[in-house]
C-alpha atoms as a PDB file:
ATOM      1  CA  UNK A   1      -2.645 -44.367 -49.266  1.00  0.00           C
ATOM      2  CA  UNK A   2      -2.298 -45.269 -53.036  1.00  0.00           C
ATOM      3  CA  UNK A   3      -2.383 -48.434 -54.755  1.00  0.00           C
ATOM      4  CA  UNK A   4       0.982 -48.453 -56.483  1.00  0.00           C
ATOM      5  CA  UNK A   5       1.942 -44.854 -56.113  1.00  0.00           C
ATOM      6  CA  UNK A   6       5.514 -43.733 -56.515  1.00  0.00           C
ATOM      7  CA  UNK A   7       6.667 -41.951 -53.048  1.00  0.00           C
ATOM      8  CA  UNK A   8       8.702 -38.814 -53.136  1.00  0.00           C
ATOM      9  CA  UNK A   9      12.641 -38.499 -52.070  1.00  0.00           C
ATOM     10  CA  UNK A  10      15.973 -40.133 -52.578  1.00  0.00           C
ATOM     11  CA  UNK A  11      16.057 -43.532 -51.249  1.00  0.00           C
ATOM     12  CA  UNK A  12      19.222 -45.573 -50.386  1.00  0.00           C
ATOM     13  CA  UNK A  13      17.340 -48.914 -51.688  1.00  0.00           C
ATOM     14  CA  UNK A  14      15.177 -49.657 -54.617  1.00  0.00           C
ATOM     15  CA  UNK A  15      14.397 -51.873 -57.112  1.00  0.00           C
ATOM     16  CA  UNK A  16      12.941 -51.245 -60.285  1.00  0.00           C
ATOM     17  CA  UNK A  17      10.342 -53.897 -61.774  1.00  0.00           C
ATOM     18  CA  UNK A  18      12.072 -56.683 -60.258  1.00  0.00           C
ATOM     19  CA  UNK A  19      11.292 -60.233 -61.949  1.00  0.00           C
ATOM     20  CA  UNK A  20      12.819 -63.030 -60.010  1.00  0.00           C
ATOM     21  CA  UNK A  21      11.664 -66.970 -59.164  1.00  0.00           C
ATOM     22  CA  UNK A  22      13.372 -70.098 -58.179  1.00  0.00           C
ATOM     23  CA  UNK A  23      12.546 -72.355 -60.868  1.00  0.00           C
ATOM     24  CA  UNK A  24      13.374 -72.025 -64.484  1.00  0.00           C
ATOM     25  CA  UNK A  25      10.537 -69.936 -65.922  1.00  0.00           C
ATOM     26  CA  UNK A  26       8.374 -69.968 -62.747  1.00  0.00           C
ATOM     27  CA  UNK A  27       8.200 -66.071 -61.485  1.00  0.00           C
ATOM     28  CA  UNK A  28       7.439 -65.117 -57.861  1.00  0.00           C
ATOM     29  CA  UNK A  29       8.395 -61.342 -58.494  1.00  0.00           C
ATOM     30  CA  UNK A  30       6.060 -60.350 -61.207  1.00  0.00           C
ATOM     31  CA  UNK A  31       7.819 -56.598 -61.471  1.00  0.00           C
ATOM     32  CA  UNK A  32       7.891 -55.550 -57.935  1.00  0.00           C
ATOM     33  CA  UNK A  33       9.230 -51.792 -57.622  1.00  0.00           C
ATOM     34  CA  UNK A  34       9.985 -50.655 -54.374  1.00  0.00           C
ATOM     35  CA  UNK A  35      12.117 -47.641 -52.331  1.00  0.00           C
ATOM     36  CA  UNK A  36      13.592 -46.945 -48.913  1.00  0.00           C
ATOM     37  CA  UNK A  37      14.761 -43.786 -47.540  1.00  0.00           C
ATOM     38  CA  UNK A  38      17.115 -43.478 -44.885  1.00  0.00           C
ATOM     39  CA  UNK A  39      16.016 -44.176 -41.697  1.00  0.00           C
ATOM     40  CA  UNK A  40      12.870 -45.590 -42.269  1.00  0.00           C
ATOM     41  CA  UNK A  41      11.743 -48.426 -40.952  1.00  0.00           C
ATOM     42  CA  UNK A  42       9.551 -50.495 -44.436  1.00  0.00           C
ATOM     43  CA  UNK A  43       7.400 -53.282 -43.712  1.00  0.00           C
ATOM     44  CA  UNK A  44       6.422 -55.413 -46.941  1.00  0.00           C
ATOM     45  CA  UNK A  45       2.986 -57.259 -45.973  1.00  0.00           C
ATOM     46  CA  UNK A  46       0.746 -59.684 -47.993  1.00  0.00           C
ATOM     47  CA  UNK A  47      -0.621 -63.069 -48.170  1.00  0.00           C
ATOM     48  CA  UNK A  48       1.443 -66.081 -48.324  1.00  0.00           C
ATOM     49  CA  UNK A  49       3.554 -66.867 -51.858  1.00  0.00           C
ATOM     50  CA  UNK A  50       2.961 -63.518 -52.409  1.00  0.00           C
ATOM     51  CA  UNK A  51       7.092 -62.775 -52.879  1.00  0.00           C
ATOM     52  CA  UNK A  52       7.992 -60.923 -50.142  1.00  0.00           C
ATOM     53  CA  UNK A  53      10.845 -63.208 -48.544  1.00  0.00           C
ATOM     54  CA  UNK A  54      11.836 -63.981 -52.292  1.00  0.00           C
ATOM     55  CA  UNK A  55      11.922 -60.379 -52.774  1.00  0.00           C
ATOM     56  CA  UNK A  56      14.754 -59.745 -49.917  1.00  0.00           C
ATOM     57  CA  UNK A  57      16.382 -62.969 -51.340  1.00  0.00           C
ATOM     58  CA  UNK A  58      16.668 -61.278 -54.551  1.00  0.00           C
ATOM     59  CA  UNK A  59      18.248 -57.707 -52.609  1.00  0.00           C
ATOM     60  CA  UNK A  60      20.472 -59.514 -50.824  1.00  0.00           C
ATOM     61  CA  UNK A  61      22.184 -61.674 -53.778  1.00  0.00           C
ATOM     62  CA  UNK A  62      20.632 -64.842 -52.369  1.00  0.00           C
ATOM     63  CA  UNK A  63      18.298 -65.256 -55.333  1.00  0.00           C
ATOM     64  CA  UNK A  64      19.618 -63.499 -58.860  1.00  0.00           C
ATOM     65  CA  UNK A  65      17.158 -61.627 -60.884  1.00  0.00           C
ATOM     66  CA  UNK A  66      15.828 -62.424 -63.895  1.00  0.00           C
ATOM     67  CA  UNK A  67      15.043 -58.638 -65.251  1.00  0.00           C
ATOM     68  CA  UNK A  68      14.274 -55.453 -63.684  1.00  0.00           C
ATOM     69  CA  UNK A  69      17.427 -53.713 -61.168  1.00  0.00           C
ATOM     70  CA  UNK A  70      18.478 -52.981 -57.628  1.00  0.00           C
ATOM     71  CA  UNK A  71      20.252 -50.005 -56.480  1.00  0.00           C
ATOM     72  CA  UNK A  72      21.800 -49.509 -52.903  1.00  0.00           C
ATOM     73  CA  UNK A  73      23.602 -46.397 -52.206  1.00  0.00           C
ATOM     74  CA  UNK A  74      23.484 -45.050 -55.652  1.00  0.00           C
ATOM     75  CA  UNK A  75      25.067 -48.177 -56.769  1.00  0.00           C
ATOM     76  CA  UNK A  76      23.563 -51.135 -58.654  1.00  0.00           C
ATOM     77  CA  UNK A  77      23.958 -54.234 -56.747  1.00  0.00           C
ATOM     78  CA  UNK A  78      21.535 -56.752 -59.075  1.00  0.00           C
ATOM     79  CA  UNK A  79      23.039 -59.997 -59.248  1.00  0.00           C
ATOM     80  CA  UNK A  80      25.892 -59.461 -56.656  1.00  0.00           C
ATOM     81  CA  UNK A  81      27.063 -62.016 -54.035  1.00  0.00           C
ATOM     82  CA  UNK A  82      26.014 -61.500 -50.427  1.00  0.00           C
ATOM     83  CA  UNK A  83      29.313 -61.041 -49.304  1.00  0.00           C
ATOM     84  CA  UNK A  84      30.400 -58.013 -52.019  1.00  0.00           C
ATOM     85  CA  UNK A  85      26.628 -56.835 -50.912  1.00  0.00           C
ATOM     86  CA  UNK A  86      27.338 -56.699 -46.966  1.00  0.00           C
ATOM     87  CA  UNK A  87      30.772 -54.754 -47.251  1.00  0.00           C
ATOM     88  CA  UNK A  88      28.825 -52.056 -49.154  1.00  0.00           C
ATOM     89  CA  UNK A  89      26.533 -51.593 -45.740  1.00  0.00           C
ATOM     90  CA  UNK A  90      23.452 -53.803 -45.868  1.00  0.00           C
ATOM     91  CA  UNK A  91      23.212 -56.614 -43.653  1.00  0.00           C
ATOM     92  CA  UNK A  92      20.016 -59.778 -43.993  1.00  0.00           C
ATOM     93  CA  UNK A  93      18.969 -62.032 -40.786  1.00  0.00           C
ATOM     94  CA  UNK A  94      17.356 -64.683 -42.519  1.00  0.00           C
ATOM     95  CA  UNK A  95      14.217 -66.519 -40.691  1.00  0.00           C
ATOM     96  CA  UNK A  96      15.449 -69.862 -40.099  1.00  0.00           C
ATOM     97  CA  UNK A  97      18.786 -71.111 -39.489  1.00  0.00           C
ATOM     98  CA  UNK A  98      20.399 -67.927 -38.576  1.00  0.00           C
ATOM     99  CA  UNK A  99      22.934 -68.724 -36.197  1.00  0.00           C
ATOM    100  CA  UNK A 100      25.857 -70.970 -35.574  1.00  0.00           C
ATOM    101  CA  UNK A 101      23.901 -73.403 -33.089  1.00  0.00           C
ATOM    102  CA  UNK A 102      27.824 -75.141 -32.036  1.00  0.00           C
ATOM    103  CA  UNK A 103      28.669 -71.899 -31.918  1.00  0.00           C
ATOM    104  CA  UNK A 104      29.027 -69.569 -28.865  1.00  0.00           C
ATOM    105  CA  UNK A 105      27.228 -66.649 -28.629  1.00  0.00           C
ATOM    106  CA  UNK A 106      30.366 -64.502 -28.822  1.00  0.00           C
ATOM    107  CA  UNK A 107      31.948 -66.920 -31.722  1.00  0.00           C
ATOM    108  CA  UNK A 108      28.680 -66.184 -33.506  1.00  0.00           C
ATOM    109  CA  UNK A 109      29.676 -62.200 -33.173  1.00  0.00           C
ATOM    110  CA  UNK A 110      32.969 -62.736 -33.867  1.00  0.00           C
ATOM    111  CA  UNK A 111      31.715 -64.664 -37.462  1.00  0.00           C
ATOM    112  CA  UNK A 112      29.709 -61.241 -38.642  1.00  0.00           C
ATOM    113  CA  UNK A 113      32.664 -59.144 -38.119  1.00  0.00           C
ATOM    114  CA  UNK A 114      34.615 -57.616 -41.122  1.00  0.00           C
ATOM    115  CA  UNK A 115      36.929 -55.510 -39.353  1.00  0.00           C
ATOM    116  CA  UNK A 116      38.973 -57.795 -37.298  1.00  0.00           C
ATOM    117  CA  UNK A 117      40.664 -54.704 -35.348  1.00  0.00           C
ATOM    118  CA  UNK A 118      37.234 -53.425 -34.683  1.00  0.00           C
ATOM    119  CA  UNK A 119      35.807 -56.821 -33.671  1.00  0.00           C
ATOM    120  CA  UNK A 120      36.048 -56.373 -30.081  1.00  0.00           C
ATOM    121  CA  UNK A 121      34.598 -53.012 -29.956  1.00  0.00           C
ATOM    122  CA  UNK A 122      31.865 -54.027 -31.693  1.00  0.00           C
ATOM    123  CA  UNK A 123      30.976 -57.426 -29.600  1.00  0.00           C
ATOM    124  CA  UNK A 124      30.920 -54.739 -26.819  1.00  0.00           C
ATOM    125  CA  UNK A 125      28.365 -52.867 -28.444  1.00  0.00           C
ATOM    126  CA  UNK A 126      26.373 -55.507 -29.263  1.00  0.00           C
ATOM    127  CA  UNK A 127      26.446 -56.729 -25.439  1.00  0.00           C
ATOM    128  CA  UNK A 128      24.508 -52.954 -24.275  1.00  0.00           C
ATOM    129  CA  UNK A 129      22.406 -53.402 -27.201  1.00  0.00           C
ATOM    130  CA  UNK A 130      21.366 -57.098 -26.327  1.00  0.00           C
ATOM    131  CA  UNK A 131      22.512 -57.169 -22.839  1.00  0.00           C
ATOM    132  CA  UNK A 132      21.140 -60.689 -22.582  1.00  0.00           C
ATOM    133  CA  UNK A 133      23.669 -62.087 -25.006  1.00  0.00           C
ATOM    134  CA  UNK A 134      26.578 -60.441 -22.419  1.00  0.00           C
ATOM    135  CA  UNK A 135      25.240 -62.348 -20.258  1.00  0.00           C
ATOM    136  CA  UNK A 136      25.483 -65.655 -21.610  1.00  0.00           C
ATOM    137  CA  UNK A 137      28.297 -64.790 -24.496  1.00  0.00           C
ATOM    138  CA  UNK A 138      29.925 -68.437 -23.233  1.00  0.00           C
ATOM    139  CA  UNK A 139      26.551 -70.172 -24.322  1.00  0.00           C
ATOM    140  CA  UNK A 140      25.970 -72.563 -27.216  1.00  0.00           C
ATOM    141  CA  UNK A 141      23.819 -70.299 -29.754  1.00  0.00           C
ATOM    142  CA  UNK A 142      21.744 -73.502 -30.543  1.00  0.00           C
ATOM    143  CA  UNK A 143      20.839 -74.321 -26.658  1.00  0.00           C
ATOM    144  CA  UNK A 144      19.480 -70.735 -26.226  1.00  0.00           C
ATOM    145  CA  UNK A 145      15.215 -70.020 -26.826  1.00  0.00           C
ATOM    146  CA  UNK A 146      14.260 -69.045 -30.086  1.00  0.00           C
ATOM    147  CA  UNK A 147      13.912 -65.927 -29.351  1.00  0.00           C
ATOM    148  CA  UNK A 148      17.290 -65.551 -28.023  1.00  0.00           C
ATOM    149  CA  UNK A 149      18.514 -66.494 -30.914  1.00  0.00           C
ATOM    150  CA  UNK A 150      16.927 -64.377 -32.990  1.00  0.00           C
ATOM    151  CA  UNK A 151      18.915 -61.591 -30.789  1.00  0.00           C
ATOM    152  CA  UNK A 152      21.885 -63.583 -31.818  1.00  0.00           C
ATOM    153  CA  UNK A 153      21.416 -63.557 -35.585  1.00  0.00           C
ATOM    154  CA  UNK A 154      20.409 -59.860 -35.358  1.00  0.00           C
ATOM    155  CA  UNK A 155      23.510 -58.952 -33.447  1.00  0.00           C
ATOM    156  CA  UNK A 156      25.738 -60.443 -35.817  1.00  0.00           C
ATOM    157  CA  UNK A 157      23.934 -59.057 -38.391  1.00  0.00           C
ATOM    158  CA  UNK A 158      24.702 -55.776 -37.109  1.00  0.00           C
ATOM    159  CA  UNK A 159      28.546 -56.246 -36.506  1.00  0.00           C
ATOM    160  CA  UNK A 160      29.577 -55.038 -39.556  1.00  0.00           C
ATOM    161  CA  UNK A 161      28.037 -51.669 -38.587  1.00  0.00           C
ATOM    162  CA  UNK A 162      25.230 -52.033 -41.642  1.00  0.00           C
ATOM    163  CA  UNK A 163      23.184 -48.910 -42.871  1.00  0.00           C
ATOM    164  CA  UNK A 164      20.189 -50.980 -44.057  1.00  0.00           C
ATOM    165  CA  UNK A 165      19.193 -54.224 -42.241  1.00  0.00           C
ATOM    166  CA  UNK A 166      16.468 -56.847 -43.717  1.00  0.00           C
ATOM    167  CA  UNK A 167      14.336 -58.890 -41.373  1.00  0.00           C
ATOM    168  CA  UNK A 168      12.476 -61.650 -42.931  1.00  0.00           C
ATOM    169  CA  UNK A 169      10.044 -62.595 -40.272  1.00  0.00           C
ATOM    170  CA  UNK A 170      12.101 -61.503 -36.926  1.00  0.00           C
ATOM    171  CA  UNK A 171       8.802 -62.600 -34.799  1.00  0.00           C
ATOM    172  CA  UNK A 172       8.001 -66.026 -36.276  1.00  0.00           C
ATOM    173  CA  UNK A 173       7.430 -68.810 -33.797  1.00  0.00           C
ATOM    174  CA  UNK A 174       8.120 -66.485 -30.788  1.00  0.00           C
ATOM    175  CA  UNK A 175       6.841 -66.464 -27.192  1.00  0.00           C
ATOM    176  CA  UNK A 176       5.029 -63.236 -26.571  1.00  0.00           C
ATOM    177  CA  UNK A 177       7.224 -61.735 -24.273  1.00  0.00           C
ATOM    178  CA  UNK A 178      10.321 -62.246 -26.893  1.00  0.00           C
ATOM    179  CA  UNK A 179       7.663 -60.818 -29.563  1.00  0.00           C
ATOM    180  CA  UNK A 180       7.476 -57.720 -28.099  1.00  0.00           C
ATOM    181  CA  UNK A 181      11.202 -57.517 -26.891  1.00  0.00           C
ATOM    182  CA  UNK A 182      12.719 -58.138 -30.975  1.00  0.00           C
ATOM    183  CA  UNK A 183       9.894 -55.626 -31.698  1.00  0.00           C
ATOM    184  CA  UNK A 184      11.082 -52.843 -29.577  1.00  0.00           C
ATOM    185  CA  UNK A 185      15.087 -53.553 -30.507  1.00  0.00           C
ATOM    186  CA  UNK A 186      13.953 -52.963 -34.284  1.00  0.00           C
ATOM    187  CA  UNK A 187      12.633 -50.145 -32.900  1.00  0.00           C
ATOM    188  CA  UNK A 188      16.001 -49.014 -30.893  1.00  0.00           C
ATOM    189  CA  UNK A 189      18.272 -50.287 -33.470  1.00  0.00           C
ATOM    190  CA  UNK A 190      16.620 -47.898 -36.178  1.00  0.00           C
ATOM    191  CA  UNK A 191      16.843 -45.431 -33.550  1.00  0.00           C
ATOM    192  CA  UNK A 192      20.424 -45.684 -33.452  1.00  0.00           C
ATOM    193  CA  UNK A 193      20.495 -44.280 -37.328  1.00  0.00           C
ATOM    194  CA  UNK A 194      19.841 -47.874 -38.934  1.00  0.00           C
ATOM    195  CA  UNK A 195      17.478 -48.015 -41.770  1.00  0.00           C
ATOM    196  CA  UNK A 196      14.902 -51.514 -41.301  1.00  0.00           C
ATOM    197  CA  UNK A 197      13.129 -53.878 -44.291  1.00  0.00           C
ATOM    198  CA  UNK A 198      11.199 -56.417 -42.642  1.00  0.00           C
ATOM    199  CA  UNK A 199       8.879 -58.918 -43.893  1.00  0.00           C
ATOM    200  CA  UNK A 200       6.518 -59.793 -40.697  1.00  0.00           C
ATOM    201  CA  UNK A 201       3.824 -62.768 -40.380  1.00  0.00           C
ATOM    202  CA  UNK A 202       2.417 -59.771 -37.261  1.00  0.00           C
ATOM    203  CA  UNK A 203       1.205 -57.395 -40.230  1.00  0.00           C
ATOM    204  CA  UNK A 204      -0.699 -55.199 -37.595  1.00  0.00           C
ATOM    205  CA  UNK A 205       2.025 -54.753 -34.959  1.00  0.00           C
ATOM    206  CA  UNK A 206       4.935 -54.650 -37.880  1.00  0.00           C
ATOM    207  CA  UNK A 207       2.788 -51.582 -39.593  1.00  0.00           C
ATOM    208  CA  UNK A 208       1.960 -50.390 -36.229  1.00  0.00           C
ATOM    209  CA  UNK A 209       5.463 -48.771 -35.993  1.00  0.00           C
ATOM    210  CA  UNK A 210       6.597 -48.546 -39.706  1.00  0.00           C
ATOM    211  CA  UNK A 211       7.329 -45.072 -41.193  1.00  0.00           C
ATOM    212  CA  UNK A 212       5.956 -46.789 -44.367  1.00  0.00           C
ATOM    213  CA  UNK A 213       4.603 -50.492 -46.161  1.00  0.00           C
ATOM    214  CA  UNK A 214       3.881 -52.316 -49.353  1.00  0.00           C
ATOM    215  CA  UNK A 215       1.410 -54.870 -49.698  1.00  0.00           C
ATOM    216  CA  UNK A 216       2.483 -57.560 -52.381  1.00  0.00           C
ATOM    217  CA  UNK A 217      -0.104 -59.898 -53.821  1.00  0.00           C
ATOM    218  CA  UNK A 218       0.952 -62.536 -56.689  1.00  0.00           C
ATOM    219  CA  UNK A 219       3.828 -60.869 -57.195  1.00  0.00           C
ATOM    220  CA  UNK A 220       2.933 -57.553 -57.573  1.00  0.00           C
ATOM    221  CA  UNK A 221       2.648 -54.216 -56.028  1.00  0.00           C
ATOM    222  CA  UNK A 222      -0.843 -54.181 -54.659  1.00  0.00           C
ATOM    223  CA  UNK A 223      -0.962 -51.079 -52.032  1.00  0.00           C
ATOM    224  CA  UNK A 224       1.560 -48.829 -50.474  1.00  0.00           C
ATOM    225  CA  UNK A 225       1.599 -45.574 -47.965  1.00  0.00           C
ATOM    226  CA  UNK A 226       2.527 -45.230 -44.635  1.00  0.00           C
ATOM    227  CA  UNK A 227       2.050 -47.460 -42.248  1.00  0.00           C
ATOM    228  CA  UNK A 228      -0.561 -46.390 -39.807  1.00  0.00           C
ATOM    229  CA  UNK A 229      -2.854 -45.453 -43.400  1.00  0.00           C
ATOM    230  CA  UNK A 230      -2.808 -48.917 -44.694  1.00  0.00           C
ATOM    231  CA  UNK A 231      -3.915 -50.218 -41.042  1.00  0.00           C
ATOM    232  CA  UNK A 232      -6.435 -47.559 -41.199  1.00  0.00           C
ATOM    233  CA  UNK A 233      -7.614 -48.749 -44.941  1.00  0.00           C
ATOM    234  CA  UNK A 234     -11.009 -51.046 -44.837  1.00  0.00           C
ATOM    235  CA  UNK A 235      -9.766 -52.533 -48.185  1.00  0.00           C
ATOM    236  CA  UNK A 236      -6.222 -53.657 -47.000  1.00  0.00           C
ATOM    237  CA  UNK A 237      -7.659 -54.759 -43.635  1.00  0.00           C
ATOM    238  CA  UNK A 238      -9.992 -57.081 -45.187  1.00  0.00           C
ATOM    239  CA  UNK A 239      -7.793 -58.720 -47.618  1.00  0.00           C
ATOM    240  CA  UNK A 240      -4.632 -58.754 -46.167  1.00  0.00           C
ATOM    241  CA  UNK A 241      -4.821 -57.677 -42.788  1.00  0.00           C
ATOM    242  CA  UNK A 242      -7.474 -60.524 -41.420  1.00  0.00           C
ATOM    243  CA  UNK A 243     -10.236 -58.179 -40.318  1.00  0.00           C
ATOM    244  CA  UNK A 244     -11.205 -54.412 -39.860  1.00  0.00           C
ATOM    245  CA  UNK A 245      -9.080 -51.853 -39.985  1.00  0.00           C
ATOM    246  CA  UNK A 246      -7.489 -50.080 -37.079  1.00  0.00           C
ATOM    247  CA  UNK A 247      -9.373 -47.984 -34.991  1.00  0.00           C
ATOM    248  CA  UNK A 248      -6.626 -47.378 -31.764  1.00  0.00           C
ATOM    249  CA  UNK A 249      -3.954 -45.521 -31.853  1.00  0.00           C
ATOM    250  CA  UNK A 250      -0.204 -46.856 -32.314  1.00  0.00           C
ATOM    251  CA  UNK A 251       0.629 -46.229 -29.020  1.00  0.00           C
ATOM    252  CA  UNK A 252      -2.338 -48.911 -27.770  1.00  0.00           C
ATOM    253  CA  UNK A 253      -1.456 -51.460 -30.089  1.00  0.00           C
ATOM    254  CA  UNK A 254       0.232 -54.070 -28.028  1.00  0.00           C
END
């Protein structure tokens, strides 16, 4: 594990010296560079205000970078609109307000479809991936539990069959049983060929299942490396994981 050391290999997603913020002349990101290779799970960790969600929103076109560039599948997408980015094969699940509460589960999934001719087929696939949603296809999303709503949001983002899925705090506020279910689904989706980049408050759990991770602090790269190595690094553990380095094996992490 190295401090902000480039990773070899051709990435599907890359940010280069990204600078961005919400208020004029106030930067949240101060030159962040990351690379995500196809098929990976990559997690962004760091303290509150480090710029993790800002980076995700910048990638998806919800925030226009002031400097730097964003490359996805060998094309620059810096500053493009979210609907254009979605059609290029990149989907996003926000932390909050991520379902249409008055619509049923099935109607939510329909909203995520880009090709109407394949909508029914994609919905059937989502019900296979998330059986609970199939059982509740006619239920209004706003009446469901937090974990169920998160599944609806993930399924809707997967409707266009993206190459890369951005997840912003997928386990935030969920009951323990649903935390396990959501992480399991993240791994299952990745196993089917979808690359994952996520921000996650449960840093230990997320890093234990990640190919690589990035630690951001004050809007800059601080550390990067394989997820397990970041867990084992005493400095990362002390500064960013709230304690000592991991000493157990990844399969033992609950």
